[in-house]
Amino acid sequence: MQTITVFGGTGFLGRTVVRALARANYCVRVARRAPTDDAFLRSLGDVGQVVPVSFSRLDREQAQKLVAGTDGVVNLIGIISERKRGDFLRIHRDWPKILAESCRDLKVKRFLHVSALGAHGGSASQYFRSKAAGENLIHAALPCAILMRPSIIFGENDHFFTRFANMARYLPFLPTIGGGHTVFQPVYVLDVAEAIVRALESAEAQGKIFELGGPVIASFYKLLNDVLEVLQLRRQLIDLPWVVAKIEAQLLQFLPSAPLTPDQVEMLKTNTVVSPSAHGITQLGITPAHYKALLPLILKR
């Protein structure tokens, strides 16, 4: 049985990826920094198939220790906002570079990194710039590395539909930042996990960048309307101009769990849809699920 080491395997996407790898008959080492319920992780596979391992620092020594002896590496570590200045670069640029170089030095040829649709060196968003910088350094160190750029990932307890559904239950209105005109291509978490497994097993996927999106492109405004329709709630959708959103984000960013940051406002200006010329999820033999078909089940849970 081959071993795949997953970094960031305890999060929303990570748990699904670990389960998918276990079902594909891999032994999965889940490298995690924060204390977590190891019994829960082990239950994602058969007895002894999922092995939690701890590491304390995002540095070369720790990376090489965890990469050694594995047949493949999947990096899912990422953040949506910074706790302290420089976190985006440390986590999205420096750490992927260290992992790619460690895989190169230890002859681990299968390395898959999950980035983001919208990653671009010229973006006004620090998040997207740091993601693009990480991609460039990965391919410079390990040209055979596989990169995945998903749009909004949806599923049970996701960070988009579930968050706005919770807001809708307690607030009389929902904000549509910038008029809600930004468009997305929501992709199901199970489809993303399956795409990761299939890419790792495909020789043709080596060195390629895959853009992952679902079958439908929808605006921010429409997605919020769909949430309200499923919940059978009447809530006013209030246009929040970019300037006002930026000012509010300047204040909200200092809260313990900031609901909005200035960089997230910049991110929301970017349409995250799959390019017609990109390698996509269907090229991996996957027919992506429609978000609206699954929304009632996700929000009911």
C-alpha atoms as a PDB file:
ATOM      1  CA  MET A   1       0.000   0.000   0.000  1.00  0.00           C
ATOM      2  CA  GLN A   2       1.441   3.366  -1.042  1.00  0.00           C
ATOM      3  CA  THR A   3       1.597   6.286   1.381  1.00  0.00           C
ATOM      4  CA  ILE A   4       0.411   9.826   0.705  1.00  0.00           C
ATOM      5  CA  THR A   5       1.228  12.587   3.173  1.00  0.00           C
ATOM      6  CA  VAL A   6      -1.431  15.306   3.409  1.00  0.00           C
ATOM      7  CA  PHE A   7      -0.647  18.702   4.895  1.00  0.00           C
ATOM      8  CA  GLY A   8      -3.790  20.513   6.033  1.00  0.00           C
ATOM      9  CA  GLY A   9      -5.864  17.352   6.266  1.00  0.00           C
ATOM     10  CA  THR A  10      -8.040  18.478   9.183  1.00  0.00           C
ATOM     11  CA  GLY A  11      -9.906  21.309   7.452  1.00  0.00           C
ATOM     12  CA  PHE A  12     -13.088  21.435   5.381  1.00  0.00           C
ATOM     13  CA  LEU A  13     -11.429  20.206   2.177  1.00  0.00           C
ATOM     14  CA  GLY A  14      -8.716  18.214   3.960  1.00  0.00           C
ATOM     15  CA  ARG A  15     -11.034  15.765   5.709  1.00  0.00           C
ATOM     16  CA  THR A  16     -12.742  14.958   2.419  1.00  0.00           C
ATOM     17  CA  VAL A  17      -9.408  14.470   0.642  1.00  0.00           C
ATOM     18  CA  VAL A  18      -8.154  12.144   3.388  1.00  0.00           C
ATOM     19  CA  ARG A  19     -11.321  10.046   3.131  1.00  0.00           C
ATOM     20  CA  ALA A  20     -11.073   9.912  -0.684  1.00  0.00           C
ATOM     21  CA  LEU A  21      -7.425   8.795  -0.548  1.00  0.00           C
ATOM     22  CA  ALA A  22      -8.274   6.110   2.011  1.00  0.00           C
ATOM     23  CA  ARG A  23     -11.070   4.810  -0.220  1.00  0.00           C
ATOM     24  CA  ALA A  24      -8.565   4.696  -3.091  1.00  0.00           C
ATOM     25  CA  ASN A  25      -6.509   2.273  -0.963  1.00  0.00           C
ATOM     26  CA  TYR A  26      -3.713   4.598   0.142  1.00  0.00           C
ATOM     27  CA  CYS A  27      -2.160   4.797   3.563  1.00  0.00           C
ATOM     28  CA  VAL A  28      -2.643   8.453   4.520  1.00  0.00           C
ATOM     29  CA  ARG A  29      -0.361  10.366   6.859  1.00  0.00           C
ATOM     30  CA  VAL A  30      -2.151  13.493   8.051  1.00  0.00           C
ATOM     31  CA  ALA A  31       0.367  16.134   9.079  1.00  0.00           C
ATOM     32  CA  ARG A  32      -1.304  18.689  11.342  1.00  0.00           C
ATOM     33  CA  ARG A  33      -0.065  21.511  13.526  1.00  0.00           C
ATOM     34  CA  ALA A  34      -3.064  22.230  15.731  1.00  0.00           C
ATOM     35  CA  PRO A  35      -4.189  19.664  18.324  1.00  0.00           C
ATOM     36  CA  THR A  36      -7.165  17.751  16.971  1.00  0.00           C
ATOM     37  CA  ASP A  37      -9.238  14.647  17.563  1.00  0.00           C
ATOM     38  CA  ASP A  38      -6.989  11.845  16.312  1.00  0.00           C
ATOM     39  CA  ALA A  39      -9.784   9.308  16.760  1.00  0.00           C
ATOM     40  CA  PHE A  40     -11.875  11.277  14.281  1.00  0.00           C
ATOM     41  CA  LEU A  41      -9.038  11.338  11.732  1.00  0.00           C
ATOM     42  CA  ARG A  42      -8.390   7.616  12.097  1.00  0.00           C
ATOM     43  CA  SER A  43     -12.087   6.917  11.496  1.00  0.00           C
ATOM     44  CA  LEU A  44     -11.783   8.356   7.956  1.00  0.00           C
ATOM     45  CA  GLY A  45     -10.211   5.070   6.831  1.00  0.00           C
ATOM     46  CA  ASP A  46      -9.826   1.452   7.888  1.00  0.00           C
ATOM     47  CA  VAL A  47      -7.886   0.512  11.031  1.00  0.00           C
ATOM     48  CA  GLY A  48      -4.305   1.749  10.678  1.00  0.00           C
ATOM     49  CA  GLN A  49      -4.913   3.343   7.280  1.00  0.00           C
ATOM     50  CA  VAL A  50      -5.013   6.991   8.421  1.00  0.00           C
ATOM     51  CA  VAL A  51      -2.080   8.011  10.607  1.00  0.00           C
ATOM     52  CA  PRO A  52      -2.053  11.475  12.247  1.00  0.00           C
ATOM     53  CA  VAL A  53       1.429  12.984  12.699  1.00  0.00           C
ATOM     54  CA  SER A  54       2.302  16.271  14.389  1.00  0.00           C
ATOM     55  CA  PHE A  55       4.666  19.004  13.307  1.00  0.00           C
ATOM     56  CA  SER A  56       5.349  22.294  15.014  1.00  0.00           C
ATOM     57  CA  ARG A  57       6.904  24.607  12.431  1.00  0.00           C
ATOM     58  CA  LEU A  58       6.635  25.442   8.747  1.00  0.00           C
ATOM     59  CA  ASP A  59      10.347  24.961   8.070  1.00  0.00           C
ATOM     60  CA  ARG A  60      12.638  22.796   5.958  1.00  0.00           C
ATOM     61  CA  GLU A  61      13.652  20.437   8.777  1.00  0.00           C
ATOM     62  CA  GLN A  62      10.044  19.562   9.587  1.00  0.00           C
ATOM     63  CA  ALA A  63       9.132  19.283   5.904  1.00  0.00           C
ATOM     64  CA  GLN A  64      11.899  16.826   5.073  1.00  0.00           C
ATOM     65  CA  LYS A  65      11.136  14.749   8.147  1.00  0.00           C
ATOM     66  CA  LEU A  66       7.514  14.320   7.079  1.00  0.00           C
ATOM     67  CA  VAL A  67       8.150  13.964   3.348  1.00  0.00           C
ATOM     68  CA  ALA A  68      10.787  11.238   3.791  1.00  0.00           C
ATOM     69  CA  GLY A  69       9.510   7.761   2.970  1.00  0.00           C
ATOM     70  CA  THR A  70       6.256   8.878   1.364  1.00  0.00           C
ATOM     71  CA  ASP A  71       5.088   8.158  -2.185  1.00  0.00           C
ATOM     72  CA  GLY A  72       3.297  11.457  -2.672  1.00  0.00           C
ATOM     73  CA  VAL A  73       2.507  14.762  -0.987  1.00  0.00           C
ATOM     74  CA  VAL A  74      -0.666  16.863  -1.040  1.00  0.00           C
ATOM     75  CA  ASN A  75      -0.512  20.409   0.317  1.00  0.00           C
ATOM     76  CA  LEU A  76      -3.844  21.940   1.356  1.00  0.00           C
ATOM     77  CA  ILE A  77      -2.533  24.453   3.891  1.00  0.00           C
ATOM     78  CA  GLY A  78      -3.942  27.920   3.319  1.00  0.00           C
ATOM     79  CA  ILE A  79      -5.522  30.890   5.067  1.00  0.00           C
ATOM     80  CA  ILE A  80      -8.174  33.371   3.993  1.00  0.00           C
ATOM     81  CA  SER A  81      -6.962  36.216   6.220  1.00  0.00           C
ATOM     82  CA  GLU A  82      -3.779  37.097   8.095  1.00  0.00           C
ATOM     83  CA  ARG A  83      -3.456  36.959  11.873  1.00  0.00           C
ATOM     84  CA  LYS A  84      -0.208  38.866  11.628  1.00  0.00           C
ATOM     85  CA  ARG A  85       1.495  40.715   8.828  1.00  0.00           C
ATOM     86  CA  GLY A  86       3.320  38.436   6.410  1.00  0.00           C
ATOM     87  CA  ASP A  87       1.240  35.293   7.051  1.00  0.00           C
ATOM     88  CA  PHE A  88       0.078  35.124   3.425  1.00  0.00           C
ATOM     89  CA  LEU A  89       3.648  35.004   2.152  1.00  0.00           C
ATOM     90  CA  ARG A  90       4.846  32.567   4.813  1.00  0.00           C
ATOM     91  CA  ILE A  91       1.993  30.131   4.212  1.00  0.00           C
ATOM     92  CA  HIS A  92       1.166  30.536   0.517  1.00  0.00           C
ATOM     93  CA  ARG A  93       4.637  31.293  -0.906  1.00  0.00           C
ATOM     94  CA  ASP A  94       7.437  30.126   1.386  1.00  0.00           C
ATOM     95  CA  TRP A  95       5.924  26.886   2.697  1.00  0.00           C
ATOM     96  CA  PRO A  96       4.930  25.442  -0.729  1.00  0.00           C
ATOM     97  CA  LYS A  97       8.439  26.248  -1.972  1.00  0.00           C
ATOM     98  CA  ILE A  98       9.975  24.349   0.959  1.00  0.00           C
ATOM     99  CA  LEU A  99       7.684  21.360   0.342  1.00  0.00           C
ATOM    100  CA  ALA A 100       8.432  21.276  -3.392  1.00  0.00           C
ATOM    101  CA  GLU A 101      12.176  21.462  -2.778  1.00  0.00           C
ATOM    102  CA  SER A 102      11.927  18.730  -0.133  1.00  0.00           C
ATOM    103  CA  CYS A 103      10.066  16.477  -2.581  1.00  0.00           C
ATOM    104  CA  ARG A 104      12.724  17.166  -5.217  1.00  0.00           C
ATOM    105  CA  ASP A 105      15.627  16.455  -2.851  1.00  0.00           C
ATOM    106  CA  LEU A 106      14.046  13.249  -1.494  1.00  0.00           C
ATOM    107  CA  LYS A 107      12.954  12.007  -4.952  1.00  0.00           C
ATOM    108  CA  VAL A 108       9.225  12.232  -4.221  1.00  0.00           C
ATOM    109  CA  LYS A 109       7.825  12.852  -7.679  1.00  0.00           C
ATOM    110  CA  ARG A 110       4.129  13.174  -6.883  1.00  0.00           C
ATOM    111  CA  PHE A 111       3.409  16.564  -5.359  1.00  0.00           C
ATOM    112  CA  LEU A 112      -0.001  18.215  -5.616  1.00  0.00           C
ATOM    113  CA  HIS A 113      -0.669  21.720  -4.344  1.00  0.00           C
ATOM    114  CA  VAL A 114      -4.092  23.342  -4.015  1.00  0.00           C
ATOM    115  CA  SER A 115      -3.962  27.022  -4.925  1.00  0.00           C
ATOM    116  CA  ALA A 116      -6.922  29.241  -5.877  1.00  0.00           C
ATOM    117  CA  LEU A 117      -8.773  30.276  -8.997  1.00  0.00           C
ATOM    118  CA  GLY A 118      -7.912  33.951  -9.314  1.00  0.00           C
ATOM    119  CA  ALA A 119      -4.246  33.579  -8.337  1.00  0.00           C
ATOM    120  CA  HIS A 120      -2.325  36.248 -10.246  1.00  0.00           C
ATOM    121  CA  GLY A 121       0.874  38.161  -9.604  1.00  0.00           C
ATOM    122  CA  GLY A 122      -0.747  41.444 -10.604  1.00  0.00           C
ATOM    123  CA  SER A 123      -3.815  41.099  -8.365  1.00  0.00           C
ATOM    124  CA  ALA A 124      -4.737  43.864  -5.915  1.00  0.00           C
ATOM    125  CA  SER A 125      -5.379  41.121  -3.355  1.00  0.00           C
ATOM    126  CA  GLN A 126      -2.472  39.950  -1.215  1.00  0.00           C
ATOM    127  CA  TYR A 127      -4.133  36.552  -1.002  1.00  0.00           C
ATOM    128  CA  PHE A 128      -4.159  36.055  -4.775  1.00  0.00           C
ATOM    129  CA  ARG A 129      -0.637  37.498  -5.199  1.00  0.00           C
ATOM    130  CA  SER A 130       0.796  35.170  -2.562  1.00  0.00           C
ATOM    131  CA  LYS A 131      -0.941  32.177  -4.141  1.00  0.00           C
ATOM    132  CA  ALA A 132       0.563  33.036  -7.535  1.00  0.00           C
ATOM    133  CA  ALA A 133       4.024  33.462  -6.023  1.00  0.00           C
ATOM    134  CA  GLY A 134       3.752  30.017  -4.430  1.00  0.00           C
ATOM    135  CA  GLU A 135       2.757  28.433  -7.749  1.00  0.00           C
ATOM    136  CA  ASN A 136       5.751  29.955  -9.535  1.00  0.00           C
ATOM    137  CA  LEU A 137       8.216  28.763  -6.904  1.00  0.00           C
ATOM    138  CA  ILE A 138       6.731  25.267  -6.866  1.00  0.00           C
ATOM    139  CA  HIS A 139       7.156  24.771 -10.610  1.00  0.00           C
ATOM    140  CA  ALA A 140      10.638  26.300 -10.512  1.00  0.00           C
ATOM    141  CA  ALA A 141      11.695  23.700  -7.925  1.00  0.00           C
ATOM    142  CA  LEU A 142       9.604  20.760  -9.157  1.00  0.00           C
ATOM    143  CA  PRO A 143       8.315  21.076 -12.746  1.00  0.00           C
ATOM    144  CA  CYS A 144       6.285  17.840 -12.423  1.00  0.00           C
ATOM    145  CA  ALA A 145       4.182  19.258  -9.555  1.00  0.00           C
ATOM    146  CA  ILE A 146       0.408  19.358 -10.082  1.00  0.00           C
ATOM    147  CA  LEU A 147      -1.449  22.574  -9.255  1.00  0.00           C
ATOM    148  CA  MET A 148      -5.186  22.777  -8.557  1.00  0.00           C
ATOM    149  CA  ARG A 149      -7.072  26.084  -8.683  1.00  0.00           C
ATOM    150  CA  PRO A 150     -10.631  25.654  -7.411  1.00  0.00           C
ATOM    151  CA  SER A 151     -13.362  28.287  -7.469  1.00  0.00           C
ATOM    152  CA  ILE A 152     -15.643  28.499  -4.399  1.00  0.00           C
ATOM    153  CA  ILE A 153     -15.765  25.019  -2.841  1.00  0.00           C
ATOM    154  CA  PHE A 154     -19.161  24.109  -1.418  1.00  0.00           C
ATOM    155  CA  GLY A 155     -20.309  21.280   0.814  1.00  0.00           C
ATOM    156  CA  GLU A 156     -21.454  20.565   4.339  1.00  0.00           C
ATOM    157  CA  ASN A 157     -20.124  23.265   6.712  1.00  0.00           C
ATOM    158  CA  ASP A 158     -18.486  25.199   3.870  1.00  0.00           C
ATOM    159  CA  HIS A 159     -17.284  28.774   4.174  1.00  0.00           C
ATOM    160  CA  PHE A 160     -19.672  30.339   1.687  1.00  0.00           C
ATOM    161  CA  PHE A 161     -23.213  28.948   1.534  1.00  0.00           C
ATOM    162  CA  THR A 162     -23.252  27.858   5.174  1.00  0.00           C
ATOM    163  CA  ARG A 163     -21.882  31.201   6.367  1.00  0.00           C
ATOM    164  CA  PHE A 164     -24.480  33.252   4.504  1.00  0.00           C
ATOM    165  CA  ALA A 165     -27.257  30.851   5.515  1.00  0.00           C
ATOM    166  CA  ASN A 166     -26.350  31.422   9.158  1.00  0.00           C
ATOM    167  CA  MET A 167     -26.327  35.190   8.605  1.00  0.00           C
ATOM    168  CA  ALA A 168     -29.732  35.015   6.920  1.00  0.00           C
ATOM    169  CA  ARG A 169     -31.259  33.224   9.905  1.00  0.00           C
ATOM    170  CA  TYR A 170     -30.396  36.089  12.276  1.00  0.00           C
ATOM    171  CA  LEU A 171     -30.159  39.240  10.136  1.00  0.00           C
ATOM    172  CA  PRO A 172     -32.980  41.116   8.377  1.00  0.00           C
ATOM    173  CA  PHE A 173     -30.770  41.698   5.310  1.00  0.00           C
ATOM    174  CA  LEU A 174     -27.717  40.362   3.471  1.00  0.00           C
ATOM    175  CA  PRO A 175     -25.014  42.601   1.977  1.00  0.00           C
ATOM    176  CA  THR A 176     -24.204  42.276  -1.718  1.00  0.00           C
ATOM    177  CA  ILE A 177     -20.739  43.799  -1.878  1.00  0.00           C
ATOM    178  CA  GLY A 178     -20.127  45.792  -5.036  1.00  0.00           C
ATOM    179  CA  GLY A 179     -23.687  45.155  -6.151  1.00  0.00           C
ATOM    180  CA  GLY A 180     -23.202  41.377  -6.153  1.00  0.00           C
ATOM    181  CA  HIS A 181     -21.996  41.363  -9.770  1.00  0.00           C
ATOM    182  CA  THR A 182     -18.874  39.241  -9.188  1.00  0.00           C
ATOM    183  CA  VAL A 183     -19.311  35.764 -10.662  1.00  0.00           C
ATOM    184  CA  PHE A 184     -18.184  32.379  -9.331  1.00  0.00           C
ATOM    185  CA  GLN A 185     -18.265  28.759 -10.468  1.00  0.00           C
ATOM    186  CA  PRO A 186     -19.020  26.754  -7.288  1.00  0.00           C
ATOM    187  CA  VAL A 187     -17.460  23.281  -7.216  1.00  0.00           C
ATOM    188  CA  TYR A 188     -18.501  20.441  -4.906  1.00  0.00           C
ATOM    189  CA  VAL A 189     -15.992  19.397  -2.244  1.00  0.00           C
ATOM    190  CA  LEU A 190     -16.346  15.687  -3.127  1.00  0.00           C
ATOM    191  CA  ASP A 191     -15.563  16.484  -6.767  1.00  0.00           C
ATOM    192  CA  VAL A 192     -12.434  18.411  -5.758  1.00  0.00           C
ATOM    193  CA  ALA A 193     -11.259  15.522  -3.560  1.00  0.00           C
ATOM    194  CA  GLU A 194     -11.841  13.027  -6.361  1.00  0.00           C
ATOM    195  CA  ALA A 195      -9.972  15.296  -8.794  1.00  0.00           C
ATOM    196  CA  ILE A 196      -6.986  15.303  -6.428  1.00  0.00           C
ATOM    197  CA  VAL A 197      -6.938  11.504  -6.209  1.00  0.00           C
ATOM    198  CA  ARG A 198      -7.240  11.040  -9.978  1.00  0.00           C
ATOM    199  CA  ALA A 199      -4.556  13.632 -10.735  1.00  0.00           C
ATOM    200  CA  LEU A 200      -2.132  11.926  -8.362  1.00  0.00           C
ATOM    201  CA  GLU A 201      -2.714   8.643 -10.193  1.00  0.00           C
ATOM    202  CA  SER A 202      -2.394  10.099 -13.699  1.00  0.00           C
ATOM    203  CA  ALA A 203       0.975  10.363 -15.425  1.00  0.00           C
ATOM    204  CA  GLU A 204      -0.588  12.848 -17.871  1.00  0.00           C
ATOM    205  CA  ALA A 205      -1.493  15.220 -15.035  1.00  0.00           C
ATOM    206  CA  GLN A 206       2.138  15.721 -13.992  1.00  0.00           C
ATOM    207  CA  GLY A 207       3.253  19.340 -14.315  1.00  0.00           C
ATOM    208  CA  LYS A 208      -0.197  20.639 -15.244  1.00  0.00           C
ATOM    209  CA  ILE A 209      -2.419  23.325 -13.742  1.00  0.00           C
ATOM    210  CA  PHE A 210      -6.083  22.366 -13.331  1.00  0.00           C
ATOM    211  CA  GLU A 211      -8.844  24.936 -12.880  1.00  0.00           C
ATOM    212  CA  LEU A 212     -11.772  23.416 -11.013  1.00  0.00           C
ATOM    213  CA  GLY A 213     -15.307  24.700 -11.332  1.00  0.00           C
ATOM    214  CA  GLY A 214     -18.829  23.336 -11.333  1.00  0.00           C
ATOM    215  CA  PRO A 215     -21.218  23.258 -14.312  1.00  0.00           C
ATOM    216  CA  VAL A 216     -22.779  26.667 -13.551  1.00  0.00           C
ATOM    217  CA  ILE A 217     -21.452  30.229 -13.400  1.00  0.00           C
ATOM    218  CA  ALA A 218     -23.484  32.473 -11.092  1.00  0.00           C
ATOM    219  CA  SER A 219     -23.218  35.955  -9.645  1.00  0.00           C
ATOM    220  CA  PHE A 220     -22.795  36.690  -5.949  1.00  0.00           C
ATOM    221  CA  TYR A 221     -26.314  38.182  -5.998  1.00  0.00           C
ATOM    222  CA  LYS A 222     -27.847  35.012  -7.493  1.00  0.00           C
ATOM    223  CA  LEU A 223     -26.040  32.726  -5.048  1.00  0.00           C
ATOM    224  CA  LEU A 224     -27.441  34.676  -2.093  1.00  0.00           C
ATOM    225  CA  ASN A 225     -30.916  34.566  -3.626  1.00  0.00           C
ATOM    226  CA  ASP A 226     -30.616  30.804  -4.006  1.00  0.00           C
ATOM    227  CA  VAL A 227     -29.692  30.465  -0.319  1.00  0.00           C
ATOM    228  CA  LEU A 228     -32.762  32.468   0.703  1.00  0.00           C
ATOM    229  CA  GLU A 229     -34.964  30.411  -1.623  1.00  0.00           C
ATOM    230  CA  VAL A 230     -33.798  27.126  -0.097  1.00  0.00           C
ATOM    231  CA  LEU A 231     -34.244  28.463   3.440  1.00  0.00           C
ATOM    232  CA  GLN A 232     -37.637  29.922   2.473  1.00  0.00           C
ATOM    233  CA  LEU A 233     -36.684  33.238   4.033  1.00  0.00           C
ATOM    234  CA  ARG A 234     -37.447  36.776   2.921  1.00  0.00           C
ATOM    235  CA  ARG A 235     -34.450  39.008   3.400  1.00  0.00           C
ATOM    236  CA  GLN A 236     -33.513  42.233   1.693  1.00  0.00           C
ATOM    237  CA  LEU A 237     -30.326  42.158  -0.376  1.00  0.00           C
ATOM    238  CA  ILE A 238     -28.631  45.504   0.222  1.00  0.00           C
ATOM    239  CA  ASP A 239     -26.011  46.826  -2.175  1.00  0.00           C
ATOM    240  CA  LEU A 240     -22.798  47.637  -0.322  1.00  0.00           C
ATOM    241  CA  PRO A 241     -20.576  49.793  -2.593  1.00  0.00           C
ATOM    242  CA  TRP A 242     -16.889  48.880  -2.766  1.00  0.00           C
ATOM    243  CA  VAL A 243     -15.791  52.043  -0.953  1.00  0.00           C
ATOM    244  CA  VAL A 244     -18.215  51.485   1.937  1.00  0.00           C
ATOM    245  CA  ALA A 245     -17.264  47.797   2.160  1.00  0.00           C
ATOM    246  CA  LYS A 246     -13.579  48.728   2.348  1.00  0.00           C
ATOM    247  CA  ILE A 247     -14.217  51.199   5.172  1.00  0.00           C
ATOM    248  CA  GLU A 248     -16.261  48.661   7.139  1.00  0.00           C
ATOM    249  CA  ALA A 249     -13.622  45.996   6.564  1.00  0.00           C
ATOM    250  CA  GLN A 250     -10.957  48.310   8.001  1.00  0.00           C
ATOM    251  CA  LEU A 251     -12.873  48.184  11.298  1.00  0.00           C
ATOM    252  CA  LEU A 252     -14.078  44.570  11.196  1.00  0.00           C
ATOM    253  CA  GLN A 253     -10.600  43.155  10.550  1.00  0.00           C
ATOM    254  CA  PHE A 254      -9.644  43.680  14.206  1.00  0.00           C
ATOM    255  CA  LEU A 255     -12.393  41.410  15.564  1.00  0.00           C
ATOM    256  CA  PRO A 256     -11.265  37.946  16.835  1.00  0.00           C
ATOM    257  CA  SER A 257     -12.961  36.135  13.913  1.00  0.00           C
ATOM    258  CA  ALA A 258     -13.065  38.943  11.389  1.00  0.00           C
ATOM    259  CA  PRO A 259     -16.156  38.560   9.150  1.00  0.00           C
ATOM    260  CA  LEU A 260     -14.554  40.792   6.509  1.00  0.00           C
ATOM    261  CA  THR A 261     -11.080  42.189   5.838  1.00  0.00           C
ATOM    262  CA  PRO A 262      -9.880  44.809   3.310  1.00  0.00           C
ATOM    263  CA  ASP A 263      -8.074  42.097   1.352  1.00  0.00           C
ATOM    264  CA  GLN A 264     -11.257  40.017   1.126  1.00  0.00           C
ATOM    265  CA  VAL A 265     -13.000  43.040  -0.374  1.00  0.00           C
ATOM    266  CA  GLU A 266     -10.289  43.107  -3.046  1.00  0.00           C
ATOM    267  CA  MET A 267     -10.729  39.360  -3.595  1.00  0.00           C
ATOM    268  CA  LEU A 268     -14.449  39.842  -4.206  1.00  0.00           C
ATOM    269  CA  LYS A 269     -13.636  42.076  -7.186  1.00  0.00           C
ATOM    270  CA  THR A 270     -12.195  39.060  -9.044  1.00  0.00           C
ATOM    271  CA  ASN A 271     -14.402  36.730 -11.091  1.00  0.00           C
ATOM    272  CA  THR A 272     -13.344  33.157 -10.313  1.00  0.00           C
ATOM    273  CA  VAL A 273     -14.401  31.136 -13.328  1.00  0.00           C
ATOM    274  CA  VAL A 274     -12.573  28.467 -15.295  1.00  0.00           C
ATOM    275  CA  SER A 275     -10.764  29.650 -18.422  1.00  0.00           C
ATOM    276  CA  PRO A 276     -11.992  27.956 -21.633  1.00  0.00           C
ATOM    277  CA  SER A 277      -8.419  26.932 -22.477  1.00  0.00           C
ATOM    278  CA  ALA A 278      -7.556  25.529 -19.037  1.00  0.00           C
ATOM    279  CA  HIS A 279      -7.241  21.905 -17.994  1.00  0.00           C
ATOM    280  CA  GLY A 280     -10.477  21.276 -16.116  1.00  0.00           C
ATOM    281  CA  ILE A 281     -12.244  18.787 -13.898  1.00  0.00           C
ATOM    282  CA  THR A 282     -13.923  16.975 -16.806  1.00  0.00           C
ATOM    283  CA  GLN A 283     -10.490  16.077 -18.216  1.00  0.00           C
ATOM    284  CA  LEU A 284     -10.019  13.978 -15.098  1.00  0.00           C
ATOM    285  CA  GLY A 285     -13.188  12.048 -15.941  1.00  0.00           C
ATOM    286  CA  ILE A 286     -15.414  13.826 -13.411  1.00  0.00           C
ATOM    287  CA  THR A 287     -18.867  15.238 -14.128  1.00  0.00           C
ATOM    288  CA  PRO A 288     -19.169  18.046 -11.555  1.00  0.00           C
ATOM    289  CA  ALA A 289     -22.256  18.390  -9.388  1.00  0.00           C
ATOM    290  CA  HIS A 290     -24.615  21.372  -9.668  1.00  0.00           C
ATOM    291  CA  TYR A 291     -24.604  23.432  -6.459  1.00  0.00           C
ATOM    292  CA  LYS A 292     -28.339  24.071  -6.572  1.00  0.00           C
ATOM    293  CA  ALA A 293     -29.161  20.362  -6.583  1.00  0.00           C
ATOM    294  CA  LEU A 294     -27.203  19.841  -3.364  1.00  0.00           C
ATOM    295  CA  LEU A 295     -27.965  23.123  -1.598  1.00  0.00           C
ATOM    296  CA  PRO A 296     -31.134  21.905   0.206  1.00  0.00           C
ATOM    297  CA  LEU A 297     -29.266  18.951   1.700  1.00  0.00           C
ATOM    298  CA  ILE A 298     -26.222  21.043   2.696  1.00  0.00           C
ATOM    299  CA  LEU A 299     -28.233  23.805   4.361  1.00  0.00           C
ATOM    300  CA  LYS A 300     -30.649  21.408   6.042  1.00  0.00           C
ATOM    301  CA  ARG A 301     -27.715  19.760   7.807  1.00  0.00           C
END
